[in-house]
């Protein structure tokens, strides 16, 4: 499932729709902030609609997000 930006308060916040067909009402919120060194800090929050997923499912969801967001960065450092 491909996420879509369901809302944005550019350039500070972006909200993605769910990545998971089995959890269509979940959302991923991205918050951007300027760092003291001039860089950008990124915080993402997974908001689960309804019942919270168990620990195993949470691990799966976060693993998928980390792959989508940071895999290319890790690969660029040879990891």
C-alpha atoms as a PDB file:
ATOM      1  CA  UNK A   1       0.000   0.000   0.000  1.00  0.00           C
ATOM      2  CA  UNK A   2       1.407   3.373  -0.986  1.00  0.00           C
ATOM      3  CA  UNK A   3       1.003   6.236   1.485  1.00  0.00           C
ATOM      4  CA  UNK A   4      -0.535   9.533   0.503  1.00  0.00           C
ATOM      5  CA  UNK A   5      -0.117  12.864   2.235  1.00  0.00           C
ATOM      6  CA  UNK A   6      -3.518  13.343   3.828  1.00  0.00           C
ATOM      7  CA  UNK A   7      -2.665  16.765   5.267  1.00  0.00           C
ATOM      8  CA  UNK A   8       0.247  19.134   5.708  1.00  0.00           C
ATOM      9  CA  UNK A   9       1.176  22.303   7.538  1.00  0.00           C
ATOM     10  CA  UNK A  10       4.179  23.046   5.364  1.00  0.00           C
ATOM     11  CA  UNK A  11       6.990  23.079   6.175  1.00  0.00           C
ATOM     12  CA  UNK A  12       6.484  21.808   9.745  1.00  0.00           C
ATOM     13  CA  UNK A  13       4.101  18.857   9.657  1.00  0.00           C
ATOM     14  CA  UNK A  14       3.043  16.203   7.150  1.00  0.00           C
ATOM     15  CA  UNK A  15       0.516  13.440   7.800  1.00  0.00           C
ATOM     16  CA  UNK A  16       0.636  10.231   5.765  1.00  0.00           C
ATOM     17  CA  UNK A  17      -2.206   7.809   5.335  1.00  0.00           C
ATOM     18  CA  UNK A  18      -1.702   4.229   6.461  1.00  0.00           C
ATOM     19  CA  UNK A  19       0.856   1.951   4.824  1.00  0.00           C
ATOM     20  CA  UNK A  20      -0.975  -1.197   5.857  1.00  0.00           C
ATOM     21  CA  UNK A  21      -4.157  -2.564   4.259  1.00  0.00           C
ATOM     22  CA  UNK A  22      -5.002  -4.365   7.517  1.00  0.00           C
ATOM     23  CA  UNK A  23      -4.807  -1.033   9.424  1.00  0.00           C
ATOM     24  CA  UNK A  24      -6.340   1.518   7.028  1.00  0.00           C
ATOM     25  CA  UNK A  25      -7.116   4.135   9.696  1.00  0.00           C
ATOM     26  CA  UNK A  26      -3.582   4.436  11.099  1.00  0.00           C
ATOM     27  CA  UNK A  27      -1.626   7.610  10.324  1.00  0.00           C
ATOM     28  CA  UNK A  28       2.036   8.606  10.357  1.00  0.00           C
ATOM     29  CA  UNK A  29       2.747  12.164  11.510  1.00  0.00           C
ATOM     30  CA  UNK A  30       6.075  13.769  10.546  1.00  0.00           C
ATOM     31  CA  UNK A  31       7.233  16.824  12.479  1.00  0.00           C
ATOM     32  CA  UNK A  32      10.183  18.852  11.198  1.00  0.00           C
ATOM     33  CA  UNK A  33      12.193  21.287  13.271  1.00  0.00           C
ATOM     34  CA  UNK A  34      15.261  23.389  12.586  1.00  0.00           C
ATOM     35  CA  UNK A  35      18.280  22.155  14.551  1.00  0.00           C
ATOM     36  CA  UNK A  36      20.752  24.482  16.290  1.00  0.00           C
ATOM     37  CA  UNK A  37      23.428  23.556  13.717  1.00  0.00           C
ATOM     38  CA  UNK A  38      21.182  24.577  10.815  1.00  0.00           C
ATOM     39  CA  UNK A  39      20.139  21.016   9.971  1.00  0.00           C
ATOM     40  CA  UNK A  40      16.685  19.544  10.277  1.00  0.00           C
ATOM     41  CA  UNK A  41      15.318  17.284  13.014  1.00  0.00           C
ATOM     42  CA  UNK A  42      12.666  14.746  12.008  1.00  0.00           C
ATOM     43  CA  UNK A  43      10.285  13.053  14.416  1.00  0.00           C
ATOM     44  CA  UNK A  44       7.705  10.596  13.186  1.00  0.00           C
ATOM     45  CA  UNK A  45       4.798   9.302  15.220  1.00  0.00           C
ATOM     46  CA  UNK A  46       2.607   6.352  14.335  1.00  0.00           C
ATOM     47  CA  UNK A  47      -0.961   6.977  15.459  1.00  0.00           C
ATOM     48  CA  UNK A  48      -3.044   3.825  15.682  1.00  0.00           C
ATOM     49  CA  UNK A  49      -6.781   4.163  15.295  1.00  0.00           C
ATOM     50  CA  UNK A  50      -8.880   1.946  17.520  1.00  0.00           C
ATOM     51  CA  UNK A  51      -7.104  -0.696  19.572  1.00  0.00           C
ATOM     52  CA  UNK A  52      -3.356  -0.296  19.944  1.00  0.00           C
ATOM     53  CA  UNK A  53      -1.368  -3.020  18.178  1.00  0.00           C
ATOM     54  CA  UNK A  54       0.385  -5.602  20.328  1.00  0.00           C
ATOM     55  CA  UNK A  55       4.161  -5.427  20.797  1.00  0.00           C
ATOM     56  CA  UNK A  56       4.892  -7.790  17.899  1.00  0.00           C
ATOM     57  CA  UNK A  57       2.695  -5.848  15.462  1.00  0.00           C
ATOM     58  CA  UNK A  58       4.156  -2.530  16.665  1.00  0.00           C
ATOM     59  CA  UNK A  59       7.647  -3.867  15.936  1.00  0.00           C
ATOM     60  CA  UNK A  60       6.558  -4.840  12.415  1.00  0.00           C
ATOM     61  CA  UNK A  61       4.993  -1.431  11.755  1.00  0.00           C
ATOM     62  CA  UNK A  62       8.064   0.464  12.983  1.00  0.00           C
ATOM     63  CA  UNK A  63      10.420  -1.808  11.026  1.00  0.00           C
ATOM     64  CA  UNK A  64       8.508  -0.999   7.828  1.00  0.00           C
ATOM     65  CA  UNK A  65       8.662   2.735   8.531  1.00  0.00           C
ATOM     66  CA  UNK A  66      12.399   2.579   9.259  1.00  0.00           C
ATOM     67  CA  UNK A  67      12.993   0.734   5.984  1.00  0.00           C
ATOM     68  CA  UNK A  68      11.013   3.290   3.988  1.00  0.00           C
ATOM     69  CA  UNK A  69      12.543   6.334   5.664  1.00  0.00           C
ATOM     70  CA  UNK A  70      16.130   5.390   6.431  1.00  0.00           C
ATOM     71  CA  UNK A  71      17.298   2.365   4.411  1.00  0.00           C
ATOM     72  CA  UNK A  72      18.897   4.408   1.616  1.00  0.00           C
ATOM     73  CA  UNK A  73      20.708   6.543   4.186  1.00  0.00           C
ATOM     74  CA  UNK A  74      22.133   3.436   5.873  1.00  0.00           C
ATOM     75  CA  UNK A  75      23.112   1.963   2.518  1.00  0.00           C
ATOM     76  CA  UNK A  76      24.966   5.166   1.609  1.00  0.00           C
ATOM     77  CA  UNK A  77      27.192   4.565   4.647  1.00  0.00           C
ATOM     78  CA  UNK A  78      27.778   0.938   3.640  1.00  0.00           C
ATOM     79  CA  UNK A  79      25.649  -0.581   6.405  1.00  0.00           C
END
